[in-house]
């Protein structure tokens, strides 16, 4: 049942002659984000009874959530570069589109580890620390808008293509308008929904925690949920690039 559902979602908005992806390939897109979530949950549960361990292992700048976000973003460079170098791209602007993701993911990965400061522990230069709200070597803490605006834009894009689009397909919405335009080459597959659902599930959990009496936005659980949201947004982007590259390969 899941396989047939995924096939339907994968082909929505695609030309009628496009080769359908294999069920095993579609299952991996479902299982991969679930496995990542399970690892994080199990690590959090294991660390919770040890004083300070949860904050250090899960919620800190050197924790596994921040580092996993950076590593997943770096991994996304591989399919993005492969799309740029693909010899049979059907549209000349597709390598440029993929190149935007190369720049974006490289920047995200560098920002997640403060351009290496979280790994090599150098002192923040004074001229950066003077304008950085957390005294770190990065750009997203320059001001509240510099962190919130990119995250909001990415969240809205993932919400539209990773949740609302699959729901539209499942409810029988028409997708012919995508098929008739070049947009179908870059429109995310509706089969990529798991990463998006997990991301916004964490967002809902974050809001619930934030509204608890005495909740502190700097508390470890709140911080880990917020950073987890970012991780699964990045995972959705990487899954999109993997899927786009696979579609070009199937051609």
Protein backbone atom coordinates (compact mmCIF):
# COMPACT_ATOMS: atom_id res chain seq x y z
CA UNK A 1 0.00 0.00 0.00
CA UNK A 2 2.78 2.43 0.91
CA UNK A 3 4.64 1.53 -2.29
CA UNK A 4 1.64 2.28 -4.51
CA UNK A 5 1.00 5.51 -2.62
CA UNK A 6 4.60 6.60 -3.07
CA UNK A 7 4.50 5.74 -6.79
CA UNK A 8 1.43 7.92 -7.19
CA UNK A 9 3.06 10.79 -5.34
CA UNK A 10 6.34 10.40 -7.25
CA UNK A 11 4.66 10.68 -10.65
CA UNK A 12 2.39 13.61 -9.79
CA UNK A 13 3.18 16.60 -11.94
CA UNK A 14 5.51 14.57 -14.19
CA UNK A 15 5.23 13.99 -17.94
CA UNK A 16 3.36 10.82 -18.86
CA UNK A 17 6.43 9.20 -20.41
CA UNK A 18 8.67 9.58 -17.33
CA UNK A 19 10.06 6.31 -16.01
CA UNK A 20 8.61 5.43 -12.61
CA UNK A 21 11.12 5.07 -9.75
CA UNK A 22 11.66 1.65 -8.22
CA UNK A 23 9.73 0.83 -5.01
CA UNK A 24 12.98 0.23 -3.11
CA UNK A 25 14.16 3.72 -4.04
CA UNK A 26 10.92 5.25 -2.79
CA UNK A 27 11.07 3.27 0.46
CA UNK A 28 14.50 4.72 1.17
CA UNK A 29 13.05 8.22 0.95
CA UNK A 30 10.53 7.23 3.62
CA UNK A 31 12.93 5.33 5.87
CA UNK A 32 15.96 7.67 5.80
CA UNK A 33 14.38 10.58 7.75
CA UNK A 34 12.67 8.16 10.13
CA UNK A 35 16.01 6.49 10.89
CA UNK A 36 17.65 9.90 11.50
CA UNK A 37 14.83 10.85 13.88
CA UNK A 38 15.03 7.51 15.70
CA UNK A 39 18.79 7.89 16.23
CA UNK A 40 18.34 11.38 17.65
CA UNK A 41 15.48 10.32 19.94
CA UNK A 42 17.38 7.29 21.25
CA UNK A 43 20.50 9.38 21.83
CA UNK A 44 18.43 11.95 23.72
CA UNK A 45 16.74 9.32 25.87
CA UNK A 46 20.09 7.71 26.66
CA UNK A 47 21.63 11.05 27.64
CA UNK A 48 18.66 12.41 29.61
CA UNK A 49 19.35 10.58 32.94
CA UNK A 50 22.94 11.86 33.06
CA UNK A 51 23.22 15.42 34.42
CA UNK A 52 24.33 17.80 31.68
CA UNK A 53 24.70 15.04 29.09
CA UNK A 54 21.55 15.92 27.12
CA UNK A 55 22.54 19.58 26.88
CA UNK A 56 26.05 18.67 25.72
CA UNK A 57 25.24 15.77 23.38
CA UNK A 58 21.99 16.97 21.81
CA UNK A 59 21.43 20.69 22.37
CA UNK A 60 24.89 22.28 22.37
CA UNK A 61 26.72 23.91 19.47
CA UNK A 62 29.02 20.87 19.48
CA UNK A 63 26.12 18.41 19.78
CA UNK A 64 25.05 15.81 17.26
CA UNK A 65 22.09 17.82 15.94
CA UNK A 66 24.20 20.81 14.90
CA UNK A 67 26.95 18.62 13.49
CA UNK A 68 24.50 16.34 11.69
CA UNK A 69 22.93 19.40 10.05
CA UNK A 70 26.34 20.52 8.78
CA UNK A 71 27.29 17.05 7.54
CA UNK A 72 23.96 16.48 5.78
CA UNK A 73 24.30 19.88 4.08
CA UNK A 74 27.81 18.95 2.93
CA UNK A 75 26.51 15.59 1.67
CA UNK A 76 23.97 17.51 -0.42
CA UNK A 77 26.82 19.03 -2.42
CA UNK A 78 27.43 15.65 -4.06
CA UNK A 79 24.07 15.33 -5.90
CA UNK A 80 24.01 19.09 -6.58
CA UNK A 81 27.41 18.99 -8.30
CA UNK A 82 26.42 15.79 -10.13
CA UNK A 83 23.39 17.60 -11.58
CA UNK A 84 25.59 20.50 -12.66
CA UNK A 85 27.92 18.09 -14.47
CA UNK A 86 25.23 15.82 -15.91
CA UNK A 87 25.83 15.49 -19.67
CA UNK A 88 22.17 15.16 -20.62
CA UNK A 89 20.36 17.92 -18.73
CA UNK A 90 17.09 18.63 -20.56
CA UNK A 91 17.23 22.38 -19.90
CA UNK A 92 20.33 24.62 -20.05
CA UNK A 93 19.33 26.44 -16.85
CA UNK A 94 19.23 23.28 -14.70
CA UNK A 95 22.99 23.39 -13.90
CA UNK A 96 22.53 27.00 -12.75
CA UNK A 97 19.61 25.90 -10.56
CA UNK A 98 21.76 23.15 -9.02
CA UNK A 99 24.63 25.62 -8.60
CA UNK A 100 22.41 27.78 -6.39
CA UNK A 101 22.03 24.78 -4.07
CA UNK A 102 25.79 24.23 -4.05
CA UNK A 103 26.31 27.78 -2.81
CA UNK A 104 23.38 27.61 -0.38
CA UNK A 105 24.27 24.26 1.18
CA UNK A 106 27.96 25.16 1.51
CA UNK A 107 26.95 28.36 3.28
CA UNK A 108 24.51 26.53 5.57
CA UNK A 109 27.11 23.90 6.50
CA UNK A 110 29.69 26.58 7.29
CA UNK A 111 27.19 28.60 9.34
CA UNK A 112 26.10 25.54 11.35
CA UNK A 113 29.65 25.13 12.66
CA UNK A 114 30.38 28.88 12.69
CA UNK A 115 32.84 28.48 9.81
CA UNK A 116 34.86 25.95 11.79
CA UNK A 117 34.84 27.69 15.17
CA UNK A 118 32.75 24.92 16.74
CA UNK A 119 35.35 22.36 15.62
CA UNK A 120 38.61 24.28 16.14
CA UNK A 121 37.55 26.63 19.00
CA UNK A 122 39.23 29.86 17.94
CA UNK A 123 38.36 33.14 19.63
CA UNK A 124 35.74 35.23 17.87
CA UNK A 125 37.40 38.26 16.23
CA UNK A 126 36.46 41.46 18.03
CA UNK A 127 34.95 43.11 14.94
CA UNK A 128 32.58 40.14 14.51
CA UNK A 129 31.78 39.70 18.19
CA UNK A 130 30.81 43.36 18.43
CA UNK A 131 27.89 42.87 16.02
CA UNK A 132 27.11 39.18 16.60
CA UNK A 133 24.34 38.54 19.12
CA UNK A 134 25.97 35.30 20.35
CA UNK A 135 29.62 36.33 19.94
CA UNK A 136 30.23 33.66 17.29
CA UNK A 137 31.93 33.65 13.91
CA UNK A 138 28.83 33.53 11.74
CA UNK A 139 26.39 35.73 9.85
CA UNK A 140 23.02 34.40 10.98
CA UNK A 141 23.44 35.83 14.47
CA UNK A 142 24.10 39.34 13.17
CA UNK A 143 20.50 40.27 13.93
CA UNK A 144 17.18 38.55 14.57
CA UNK A 145 16.05 38.99 10.95
CA UNK A 146 19.27 37.47 9.58
CA UNK A 147 18.43 34.20 11.34
CA UNK A 148 14.64 34.24 11.04
CA UNK A 149 14.23 35.38 7.42
CA UNK A 150 16.19 32.57 5.66
CA UNK A 151 14.65 29.93 7.96
CA UNK A 152 11.16 31.28 7.34
CA UNK A 153 11.62 31.31 3.55
CA UNK A 154 12.96 27.74 3.58
CA UNK A 155 10.19 26.61 5.95
CA UNK A 156 7.48 28.04 3.69
CA UNK A 157 9.03 26.40 0.63
CA UNK A 158 9.18 23.00 2.37
CA UNK A 159 5.65 23.44 3.74
CA UNK A 160 4.30 24.16 0.25
CA UNK A 161 6.14 21.40 -1.61
CA UNK A 162 6.61 18.80 1.13
CA UNK A 163 3.23 18.87 2.88
CA UNK A 164 0.59 20.89 1.01
CA UNK A 165 1.57 19.54 -2.42
CA UNK A 166 1.37 15.84 -1.37
CA UNK A 167 -1.98 16.53 0.33
CA UNK A 168 -3.25 18.19 -2.85
CA UNK A 169 -2.26 15.10 -4.84
CA UNK A 170 -3.82 12.69 -2.34
CA UNK A 171 -7.08 14.66 -2.37
CA UNK A 172 -7.24 14.40 -6.15
CA UNK A 173 -6.09 17.91 -7.02
CA UNK A 174 -5.17 18.58 -10.64
CA UNK A 175 -1.47 18.65 -11.49
CA UNK A 176 -1.66 19.17 -15.25
CA UNK A 177 -0.59 22.79 -14.94
CA UNK A 178 2.82 21.61 -13.75
CA UNK A 179 3.13 19.05 -16.55
CA UNK A 180 2.56 21.72 -19.18
CA UNK A 181 5.39 23.99 -18.01
CA UNK A 182 9.17 23.63 -17.52
CA UNK A 183 8.41 23.83 -13.79
CA UNK A 184 8.00 20.04 -13.69
CA UNK A 185 11.78 19.67 -14.06
CA UNK A 186 12.46 21.30 -10.72
CA UNK A 187 9.20 20.82 -8.79
CA UNK A 188 9.93 18.61 -5.75
CA UNK A 189 8.47 15.13 -5.84
CA UNK A 190 5.44 14.71 -3.59
CA UNK A 191 7.04 11.44 -2.44
CA UNK A 192 9.57 13.40 -0.37
CA UNK A 193 6.99 14.23 2.30
CA UNK A 194 8.49 12.34 5.33
CA UNK A 195 11.29 14.83 6.00
CA UNK A 196 8.84 17.73 5.77
CA UNK A 197 6.31 16.09 8.09
CA UNK A 198 8.98 15.39 10.71
CA UNK A 199 10.32 18.95 10.43
CA UNK A 200 6.93 20.52 11.09
CA UNK A 201 6.11 17.94 13.75
CA UNK A 202 9.18 19.21 15.59
CA UNK A 203 8.01 22.78 15.02
CA UNK A 204 4.68 22.00 16.66
CA UNK A 205 6.46 20.30 19.57
CA UNK A 206 8.72 23.34 19.92
CA UNK A 207 5.70 25.65 20.15
CA UNK A 208 4.09 23.39 22.75
CA UNK A 209 7.26 23.43 24.84
CA UNK A 210 7.57 27.21 24.44
CA UNK A 211 4.08 27.69 25.90
CA UNK A 212 4.70 25.60 29.00
CA UNK A 213 4.80 27.57 32.27
CA UNK A 214 8.33 28.70 32.99
CA UNK A 215 9.63 27.59 29.59
CA UNK A 216 12.99 29.08 28.64
CA UNK A 217 13.97 29.49 24.99
CA UNK A 218 17.51 28.58 25.95
CA UNK A 219 16.53 25.32 27.67
CA UNK A 220 18.08 22.15 26.18
CA UNK A 221 14.80 20.54 25.06
CA UNK A 222 13.57 23.74 23.41
CA UNK A 223 16.92 24.27 21.71
CA UNK A 224 17.15 20.69 20.44
CA UNK A 225 13.65 20.89 18.93
CA UNK A 226 14.50 24.17 17.20
CA UNK A 227 17.76 22.80 15.82
CA UNK A 228 16.02 19.55 14.87
CA UNK A 229 13.61 21.52 12.73
CA UNK A 230 16.55 22.97 10.81
CA UNK A 231 18.13 19.53 10.40
CA UNK A 232 15.03 18.05 8.75
CA UNK A 233 14.52 21.11 6.55
CA UNK A 234 18.07 20.55 5.29
CA UNK A 235 17.39 16.83 4.91
CA UNK A 236 14.38 17.62 2.72
CA UNK A 237 16.54 19.80 0.47
CA UNK A 238 19.16 17.06 0.14
CA UNK A 239 16.46 14.44 -0.59
CA UNK A 240 15.14 16.77 -3.29
CA UNK A 241 18.58 17.00 -4.93
CA UNK A 242 19.04 13.21 -4.75
CA UNK A 243 15.63 12.74 -6.35
CA UNK A 244 16.27 15.32 -9.06
CA UNK A 245 19.57 13.64 -9.92
CA UNK A 246 17.89 10.23 -10.00
CA UNK A 247 15.21 11.54 -12.36
CA UNK A 248 17.87 12.80 -14.74
CA UNK A 249 19.59 9.42 -14.53
CA UNK A 250 16.38 7.56 -15.35
CA UNK A 251 16.00 9.60 -18.51
